[in-house]
Protein backbone atom coordinates (compact mmCIF):
# COMPACT_ATOMS: atom_id res chain seq x y z
CA MET A 1 102.71 40.87 90.18
CA ILE A 2 102.78 44.44 88.90
CA SER A 3 102.05 44.68 85.23
CA ARG A 4 104.57 46.11 82.82
CA LYS A 5 102.01 48.56 81.55
CA ARG A 6 101.26 49.91 85.02
CA VAL A 7 104.96 50.34 85.89
CA PHE A 8 105.61 52.30 82.72
CA GLU A 9 102.49 54.44 83.18
CA GLU A 10 103.54 55.37 86.72
CA MET A 11 107.06 56.25 85.59
CA GLN A 12 105.78 58.33 82.69
CA GLU A 13 103.30 60.14 84.96
CA ASP A 14 106.10 60.82 87.43
CA GLN A 15 108.29 62.13 84.62
CA GLN A 16 105.53 64.43 83.30
CA SER A 17 104.74 65.85 86.76
CA LYS A 18 108.34 66.63 87.69
CA ASN A 19 109.63 70.22 87.56
CA ASP A 20 112.96 71.50 86.43
CA SER A 21 114.66 70.52 89.66
CA THR A 22 117.53 68.10 89.27
CA PHE A 23 116.45 66.29 92.38
CA TYR A 24 113.18 65.09 90.91
CA PHE A 25 114.75 64.16 87.63
CA ILE A 26 117.44 62.03 89.27
CA HIS A 27 114.81 60.48 91.51
CA SER A 28 112.87 59.34 88.44
CA ALA A 29 116.05 58.14 86.78
CA ARG A 30 116.89 56.04 89.79
CA GLN A 31 113.46 54.50 89.66
CA LEU A 32 114.14 53.67 86.04
CA LEU A 33 117.51 52.15 86.88
CA CYS A 34 115.96 49.96 89.53
CA TYR A 35 113.42 48.85 87.00
CA CYS A 36 116.06 48.06 84.41
CA ILE A 37 118.12 46.05 86.85
CA ASN A 38 115.13 43.90 87.62
CA ILE A 39 113.67 43.93 84.15
CA LYS A 40 114.86 40.43 83.41
CA PHE A 41 112.58 39.19 86.15
CA PHE A 42 109.67 40.70 84.27
CA LYS A 43 111.01 39.72 80.91
CA GLN A 44 108.10 37.62 79.92
CA VAL A 45 105.66 40.28 81.07
CA ASN A 46 107.40 43.45 79.93
CA CYS A 47 108.00 42.63 76.35
CA ILE A 48 105.97 44.06 73.54
CA SER A 49 104.64 41.37 71.29
CA PHE A 50 103.68 41.87 67.68
CA SER A 51 102.25 38.38 67.49
CA ASP A 52 100.82 35.78 69.75
CA THR A 53 102.73 33.04 67.98
CA GLU A 54 105.72 31.25 69.46
CA ASN A 55 108.02 33.00 67.00
CA SER A 56 106.85 36.48 67.94
CA GLU A 57 109.59 39.09 68.30
CA HIS A 58 109.98 40.64 71.75
CA LEU A 59 110.59 44.42 71.84
CA TYR A 60 111.54 46.48 74.89
CA GLU A 61 110.68 50.20 75.08
CA CYS A 62 112.84 52.77 76.87
CA PRO A 63 110.62 54.61 79.37
CA MET A 64 112.71 57.79 78.98
CA CYS A 65 112.78 58.23 75.23
CA SER A 66 110.37 55.52 73.97
CA LEU A 67 113.10 53.82 71.95
CA THR A 68 112.33 50.10 71.38
CA CYS A 69 115.01 47.47 71.72
CA THR A 70 114.97 43.80 70.83
CA ASP A 71 117.35 42.84 73.60
CA ILE A 72 117.07 43.49 77.29
CA GLN A 73 120.86 43.97 77.65
CA ILE A 74 120.82 46.64 74.98
CA LEU A 75 118.00 48.41 76.79
CA GLU A 76 119.96 48.39 80.06
CA GLU A 77 123.01 49.88 78.34
CA HIS A 78 120.79 52.44 76.67
CA VAL A 79 119.28 53.46 80.01
CA ASP A 80 122.78 53.73 81.52
CA LEU A 81 123.61 56.29 78.86
CA HIS A 82 120.59 58.32 79.93
CA LEU A 83 121.77 58.23 83.52
CA GLU A 84 125.35 59.18 82.68
CA GLU A 85 124.11 62.06 80.56
CA GLN A 86 121.89 63.24 83.41
CA SER A 87 124.72 62.86 85.93
CA PHE A 88 126.89 65.14 83.79
CA SER A 89 124.00 67.58 83.49
CA GLU A 90 123.56 67.48 87.25
CA GLY A 91 127.20 68.44 87.78
CA GLY A 92 126.82 71.29 85.29
CA ASN A 93 123.69 72.50 87.02
CA ILE A 94 125.47 72.50 90.37
CA ARG A 95 128.35 74.53 88.93
CA ASP A 96 125.89 76.95 87.34
CA LEU A 97 124.04 77.25 90.63
CA GLU A 98 127.25 77.96 92.54
CA LEU A 99 128.20 80.61 89.98
CA ALA A 100 124.74 82.18 90.17
CA GLN A 101 124.89 82.23 93.97
CA ARG A 102 128.34 83.81 93.92
CA LEU A 103 127.21 86.47 91.44
CA GLN A 104 124.10 87.16 93.53
CA THR A 105 126.22 87.47 96.68
CA GLU A 106 128.52 89.94 94.94
CA GLU A 107 125.51 91.87 93.63
CA ASP A 108 123.96 92.04 97.12
CA LYS A 109 127.27 93.20 98.58
CA TRP A 110 127.58 95.92 95.93
CA GLN A 111 124.01 97.07 96.53
CA ARG A 112 124.60 97.26 100.29
CA SER A 113 127.77 99.25 99.69
CA GLU A 114 125.94 101.68 97.40
CA GLU A 115 123.08 102.01 99.89
CA GLU A 116 125.50 102.76 102.72
CA LYS A 117 127.23 105.31 100.51
CA ARG A 118 123.91 107.00 99.71
CA GLU A 119 122.98 107.02 103.39
CA ARG A 120 126.30 108.66 104.31
CA GLU A 121 125.85 111.28 101.59
CA GLU A 122 122.27 111.92 102.67
CA PHE A 123 123.35 112.22 106.31
CA LYS A 124 126.06 114.72 105.37
CA LYS A 125 123.51 116.64 103.31
CA LEU A 126 121.16 116.80 106.28
CA GLN A 127 124.04 117.88 108.51
CA ARG A 128 124.82 120.73 106.12
CA GLN A 129 121.14 121.62 105.83
CA TYR A 130 120.65 121.81 109.58
CA GLY A 131 124.00 123.41 110.30
CA LEU A 132 125.59 120.41 112.02
CA ASP A 133 128.51 119.90 109.66
CA ASN A 134 131.11 121.80 111.73
CA SER A 135 131.45 124.43 109.00
CA GLY A 136 131.36 127.32 111.45
CA GLY A 137 128.59 129.54 112.73
CA TYR A 138 127.31 133.09 112.56
CA LYS A 139 130.72 134.75 112.63
CA GLN A 140 132.27 132.58 109.92
CA GLN A 141 129.28 132.93 107.60
CA PHE A 142 129.14 136.70 108.13
CA LEU A 143 132.81 137.13 107.18
CA LYS A 144 132.57 134.72 104.24
CA ASN A 145 129.54 136.48 102.78
CA MET A 146 131.15 139.91 103.18
CA GLU A 147 134.28 138.66 101.41
CA ARG A 148 132.07 137.47 98.58
CA GLU A 149 130.42 140.89 98.40
CA VAL A 150 133.84 142.53 98.12
CA ASP A 151 134.91 140.11 95.39
CA ARG A 152 131.77 140.96 93.42
CA GLY A 153 132.32 144.68 93.79
CA ARG A 154 129.22 145.20 95.94
CA MET A 155 131.19 146.25 99.01
CA GLN A 156 134.25 148.38 99.39
CA PRO A 157 137.21 147.06 101.44
CA PHE A 158 136.94 149.87 104.00
CA GLU A 159 133.23 149.00 104.47
CA TYR A 160 134.19 145.36 104.97
CA HIS A 161 136.63 146.22 107.75
CA LYS A 162 134.17 148.56 109.46
CA LYS A 163 131.36 145.99 109.45
CA LYS A 164 133.74 143.32 110.65
CA ALA A 165 134.82 145.49 113.58
CA ASP A 166 131.19 146.29 114.46
CA MET A 167 130.24 142.63 114.28
CA MET A 168 133.14 141.54 116.48
CA GLU A 169 132.21 144.18 119.08
CA CYS A 170 128.58 143.03 119.19
CA LEU A 171 129.61 139.41 119.51
CA ALA A 172 131.98 140.29 122.34
CA PHE A 173 129.11 141.91 124.29
CA GLY A 174 126.59 139.28 123.21
CA ILE A 175 124.07 141.78 121.84
CA ASP A 176 122.39 142.16 118.47
CA ASP A 177 123.55 145.09 116.36
CA GLY A 178 119.94 146.10 115.61
CA LYS A 179 120.68 146.62 111.93
CA THR A 180 117.95 144.22 110.84
CA LYS A 181 115.33 145.61 113.24
CA THR A 182 112.13 147.45 112.30
CA SER A 183 110.16 149.02 115.18
CA GLY A 184 106.72 150.58 115.34
CA VAL A 185 104.87 148.24 112.97
CA ILE A 186 102.20 147.20 115.51
CA GLU A 187 101.43 150.82 116.31
CA ALA A 188 101.17 151.63 112.61
CA LEU A 189 98.82 148.69 112.09
CA CYS A 190 96.60 149.89 114.93
CA LYS A 191 96.20 153.28 113.27
CA TYR A 192 95.62 151.73 109.86
CA TYR A 193 92.83 149.41 111.01
CA GLN A 194 91.03 152.20 112.81
CA ASN A 195 90.61 153.96 109.45
CA GLU A 196 90.13 150.87 107.29
CA ASN A 197 86.49 149.80 106.92
CA LYS A 198 86.35 147.66 103.81
CA ASP A 199 86.23 143.98 104.67
CA VAL A 200 87.65 143.65 108.19
CA ARG A 201 85.06 143.17 110.91
CA ARG A 202 87.49 142.99 113.83
CA VAL A 203 91.20 142.67 114.39
CA TRP A 204 93.27 141.71 117.43
CA LEU A 205 96.90 142.78 117.67
CA SER A 206 99.65 141.62 120.00
CA ALA A 207 101.57 143.91 122.30
CA GLY A 208 104.34 145.92 120.66
CA VAL A 209 106.97 143.83 118.91
CA ASP A 210 110.00 144.61 116.78
CA HIS A 211 110.63 142.80 113.52
CA PHE A 212 114.06 141.22 112.96
CA HIS A 213 115.17 139.73 109.66
CA SER A 214 118.08 137.50 108.72
CA SER A 215 121.49 138.98 107.95
CA LEU A 216 124.66 137.91 106.19
CA GLY A 217 125.59 135.85 109.22
CA ASP A 218 122.42 133.75 109.57
CA ARG A 219 120.78 133.75 106.16
CA GLY A 220 119.30 130.34 105.43
CA TRP A 221 119.21 129.00 109.00
CA GLY A 222 118.54 131.76 111.53
CA CYS A 223 114.74 132.05 111.45
CA GLY A 224 114.23 130.42 114.86
CA TYR A 225 116.69 132.79 116.51
CA ARG A 226 115.17 135.84 114.80
CA ASN A 227 111.67 134.86 115.92
CA PHE A 228 112.94 134.53 119.48
CA GLN A 229 114.36 138.05 119.19
CA MET A 230 110.91 139.27 118.08
CA LEU A 231 109.20 137.55 120.99
CA LEU A 232 111.78 138.82 123.44
CA SER A 233 111.45 142.38 122.14
CA SER A 234 107.79 142.27 123.14
CA LEU A 235 108.45 140.78 126.58
CA LEU A 236 111.07 143.44 127.32
CA GLN A 237 108.35 146.08 126.86
CA ASN A 238 106.08 144.38 129.41
CA SER A 239 106.81 145.13 133.09
CA LEU A 240 105.38 141.74 134.08
CA TYR A 241 108.59 140.12 132.86
CA ASN A 242 111.07 142.61 134.31
CA ASP A 243 112.22 140.27 137.06
CA CYS A 244 112.68 137.32 134.69
CA LEU A 245 114.63 139.41 132.22
CA ARG A 246 116.70 141.54 134.56
CA ASP A 247 119.86 139.97 133.11
CA THR A 248 118.60 140.31 129.54
CA THR A 249 117.84 143.98 129.05
CA LEU A 250 119.03 144.07 125.44
CA ILE A 251 118.28 141.80 122.51
CA PRO A 252 120.99 139.10 122.48
CA SER A 253 122.96 138.19 119.38
CA ILE A 254 122.42 134.83 117.73
CA PRO A 255 125.61 133.29 119.20
CA LYS A 256 124.47 134.53 122.61
CA ILE A 257 121.05 132.91 122.12
CA GLN A 258 122.84 129.67 121.27
CA SER A 259 124.73 129.88 124.55
CA MET A 260 121.49 130.60 126.42
CA ILE A 261 119.91 127.45 124.98
CA GLU A 262 122.97 125.46 126.02
CA ASP A 263 122.53 126.86 129.54
CA ALA A 264 118.94 125.61 129.54
CA TRP A 265 120.14 122.15 128.55
CA LYS A 266 122.64 122.18 131.42
CA GLU A 267 119.73 122.92 133.74
CA GLY A 268 118.10 119.68 132.57
CA PHE A 269 115.70 120.94 129.94
CA ASP A 270 115.00 118.77 126.91
CA PRO A 271 117.79 116.19 127.19
CA HIS A 272 116.57 114.47 124.03
CA GLY A 273 116.84 117.68 122.03
CA ALA A 274 120.23 118.44 123.55
CA SER A 275 121.54 115.05 122.45
CA HIS A 276 120.31 115.77 118.93
CA PHE A 277 122.74 118.69 118.84
CA ASN A 278 125.45 116.86 120.83
CA ASN A 279 124.76 119.42 123.58
CA ARG A 280 126.35 122.14 121.47
CA LEU A 281 124.91 125.00 119.43
CA HIS A 282 127.41 127.82 119.83
CA GLY A 283 129.64 128.20 116.79
CA SER A 284 127.29 126.25 114.52
CA LYS A 285 124.58 127.01 111.98
CA ALA A 286 122.15 124.62 113.65
CA TRP A 287 118.46 125.20 113.11
CA ILE A 288 116.32 125.44 116.23
CA GLY A 289 112.63 124.75 116.71
CA ALA A 290 109.77 125.04 119.16
CA CYS A 291 111.35 122.83 121.84
CA GLU A 292 114.52 124.94 121.98
CA ILE A 293 112.42 128.12 122.29
CA TYR A 294 110.33 126.50 125.03
CA SER A 295 113.42 125.37 126.95
CA LEU A 296 115.02 128.79 126.66
CA LEU A 297 111.92 130.68 127.84
CA THR A 298 111.23 128.29 130.71
CA ASN A 299 114.82 128.54 131.90
CA LEU A 300 114.25 132.31 132.05
CA ARG A 301 111.19 131.57 134.26
CA ILE A 302 108.78 132.61 131.52
CA LYS A 303 105.67 130.46 131.55
CA CYS A 304 104.82 129.08 128.13
CA GLN A 305 103.33 126.08 126.41
CA ILE A 306 103.83 124.14 123.20
CA ILE A 307 100.71 123.29 121.23
CA ASP A 308 100.95 120.72 118.45
CA PHE A 309 98.72 120.78 115.40
CA HIS A 310 99.98 117.46 114.12
CA LYS A 311 97.56 117.00 111.23
CA PRO A 312 95.19 119.09 109.09
CA THR A 313 91.72 119.57 110.52
CA GLY A 314 90.04 121.08 107.49
CA PRO A 315 89.52 120.44 103.77
CA MET A 316 92.42 120.58 101.32
CA GLY A 317 95.02 120.11 104.08
CA THR A 318 94.10 123.27 106.00
CA HIS A 319 94.33 123.90 109.76
CA PRO A 320 91.18 125.73 110.95
CA ARG A 321 91.84 124.67 114.55
CA LEU A 322 95.13 126.54 114.46
CA PHE A 323 93.33 129.73 113.39
CA GLU A 324 90.63 129.19 116.02
CA TRP A 325 93.26 128.70 118.72
CA VAL A 326 95.01 131.95 117.79
CA LEU A 327 91.67 133.79 117.81
CA HIS A 328 90.88 132.43 121.26
CA TYR A 329 94.36 133.36 122.51
CA TYR A 330 94.03 137.01 121.50
CA SER A 331 90.32 137.48 122.16
CA THR A 332 90.29 135.99 125.69
CA ASP A 333 90.04 138.84 128.23
CA ASN A 334 89.64 141.19 125.25
CA GLU A 335 85.93 140.87 124.51
CA CYS A 336 85.24 144.56 124.16
CA GLY A 337 83.22 145.60 121.16
CA ALA A 338 85.99 147.69 119.61
CA LYS A 339 86.89 146.98 116.02
CA VAL A 340 90.64 147.22 116.73
CA VAL A 341 91.82 145.50 119.88
CA CYS A 342 95.42 146.21 120.85
CA THR A 343 96.00 143.49 123.42
CA SER A 344 98.75 143.05 125.99
CA LYS A 345 99.36 139.50 124.77
CA PRO A 346 102.87 138.64 123.56
CA PRO A 347 103.25 137.42 119.98
CA ILE A 348 103.20 133.68 119.23
CA TYR A 349 106.09 131.61 117.92
CA LEU A 350 104.83 129.55 114.94
CA GLN A 351 106.89 126.62 113.62
CA HIS A 352 106.52 124.26 110.68
CA GLN A 353 109.00 122.00 108.96
CA GLY A 354 111.89 124.09 107.67
CA HIS A 355 110.74 127.56 108.78
CA SER A 356 109.24 129.59 111.62
CA ARG A 357 107.41 132.91 111.88
CA THR A 358 105.84 135.11 114.54
CA VAL A 359 102.07 135.62 114.86
CA VAL A 360 101.35 139.24 115.80
CA GLY A 361 97.60 139.35 115.31
CA ILE A 362 94.49 137.97 113.62
CA GLU A 363 91.77 139.49 111.45
CA GLU A 364 88.13 138.48 111.34
CA LYS A 365 86.61 139.38 108.01
CA LYS A 366 83.00 140.42 107.56
CA ASN A 367 82.34 137.04 105.97
CA LYS A 368 83.65 135.41 109.21
CA THR A 369 86.86 134.09 107.65
CA LEU A 370 90.06 134.44 109.66
CA CYS A 371 93.45 135.75 108.57
CA LEU A 372 96.68 135.55 110.56
CA LEU A 373 99.12 138.45 110.68
CA LEU A 374 102.70 137.15 110.61
CA PHE A 375 106.14 138.65 110.95
CA ASP A 376 108.49 136.66 108.73
CA PRO A 377 112.24 136.90 109.41
CA GLY A 378 112.77 136.34 105.71
CA CYS A 379 111.17 139.70 104.92
CA PRO A 380 113.83 142.46 104.69
CA SER A 381 113.65 145.75 106.59
CA GLN A 382 113.01 147.86 103.52
CA GLU A 383 109.78 145.96 102.90
CA MET A 384 108.66 146.09 106.53
CA GLN A 385 109.27 149.82 106.67
CA LYS A 386 106.61 150.33 104.00
CA LEU A 387 104.08 149.46 106.70
CA LEU A 388 105.17 152.52 108.69
CA LYS A 389 104.03 155.00 106.03
CA GLN A 390 101.04 157.05 107.12
CA ASN A 391 99.51 157.09 103.64
CA SER A 392 99.65 153.32 103.25
CA ASP A 393 96.72 151.98 101.23
CA GLY A 394 96.94 148.52 102.78
CA THR A 395 98.73 146.80 99.91
CA SER A 396 101.78 146.31 102.11
CA LEU A 397 99.65 144.17 104.41
CA LYS A 398 100.13 141.37 101.90
CA LEU A 399 103.50 140.92 103.59
CA LEU A 400 101.72 139.94 106.81
CA ARG A 401 98.41 138.37 105.85
CA ARG A 402 98.11 134.60 105.68
CA PHE A 403 94.70 133.08 105.03
CA MET A 404 93.78 129.53 105.88
CA GLY A 405 94.49 128.29 102.37
CA SER A 406 98.09 129.49 102.54
CA LEU A 407 99.01 127.52 105.67
CA LYS A 408 98.91 123.94 104.44
CA GLU A 409 101.98 122.31 105.93
CA LYS A 410 101.34 118.87 107.39
CA GLN A 411 102.18 119.93 110.95
CA TYR A 412 102.49 123.11 112.97
CA GLN A 413 103.74 123.89 116.47
CA ILE A 414 103.26 127.08 118.41
CA VAL A 415 104.90 128.39 121.56
CA ALA A 416 102.67 130.75 123.51
CA VAL A 417 103.77 132.79 126.53
CA ASP A 418 101.40 132.95 129.48
CA GLY A 419 102.95 134.71 132.45
CA VAL A 420 105.81 134.10 134.87
CA LEU A 421 107.00 130.97 136.66
CA SER A 422 107.94 130.85 140.31
CA LEU A 423 111.17 129.10 141.20
CA GLU A 424 109.16 126.07 142.34
CA GLU A 425 107.20 125.97 139.08
CA LYS A 426 110.42 126.22 137.11
CA ALA A 427 111.83 123.22 138.98
CA VAL A 428 108.69 121.22 138.17
CA SER A 429 108.91 122.27 134.53
CA THR A 430 112.51 121.11 134.38
CA GLU A 431 111.51 117.68 135.61
CA GLU A 432 108.55 117.44 133.25
CA ASN A 433 110.59 118.66 130.32
CA SER A 434 113.06 115.84 130.79
CA LEU A 435 110.38 113.82 128.99
CA SER A 436 111.33 114.40 125.40
CA LYS A 437 109.23 116.46 123.02
CA LYS A 438 109.64 116.32 119.27
CA SER A 439 110.40 119.65 117.67
CA LEU A 440 109.84 120.63 114.06
CA ARG A 441 112.77 122.53 112.60
């Protein structure tokens, strides 16, 4: 027979080891109830005796609260009270749990709603940032900005109407108005370097290229288009590309370039990129990147390649391999010992997240460090024209020079032109380009 002492010790140990869960508490209480129901059977064993005499008083201790009773019936009633109290507590706990679960469900639903709202707002923000919010394109922005200039007294009404008429005419013919163009900078640089002997050991310059900067119609989003205009201006001066560009003898306007990219998509180039723009650029302020430039050039049968510099290759987040690649590009087939090498190589389209520029040359300093020469479409004509002055002391070159420490974006892409494609090579390129490439914009 199990001893009273052992039964109580087990129940007390069970009670001490239980956690706050109602399940374990009720389990222990049921054990107690079973014990109390059968306690009469153990009556002679379970009693607490103060004396070994026949007249000793028998006391019974409650295993839940240690209360001692002199009668077994009283103890059973006392234990029943414990169980009823716990049963009520159990019901309260269940109601509290249901309430807590309902509140948590409502909180989760509210958080999901807020997260979806933030995602929608962020998506709309990105659409606005990348010109995909259906707010109009070059024409609409040009007119809106001119109206703002008139309202601020910076433009006379007659000037507004004249510029509007000129803009509409250029758009109708699909050509750029040339008002943001600066020509002759490469030639001026060639003359400058021939007389400059301070710290430049050698310099390689691209073939002639015109600089184009953003205007009222594309400010804030048109850098990719302007860099294409720069690249195209150089190709138009090279007889090697006459056949490819026989239908493009003048620099196209930005809306025209958008249509040309759409034509490339229709030919099967970059279907992934086309789907990103819903196959539509014309009439939008959509940013373009290296893949759009590649597709456009290849569709014109101009041979080119995209090179990714997807991570820094030098200390402090720098990209020495990018500089080395540009040096190799310009110096190949131009290994003469001249200090100033005016090559026949077209400029290079350089893209990083959020902006693009055009590489027109590279310097090698006497200490062997390299410095890129960049045309930035964000630089206005009046600044670029300072480079044309014959008495320039070189300070204006700060507009162009970019040392390794100043190009520290995480990733860069370049598009480099390398000749002409045959019709067969173009067809192969179309098929290969159907494999998606990721473009930085």
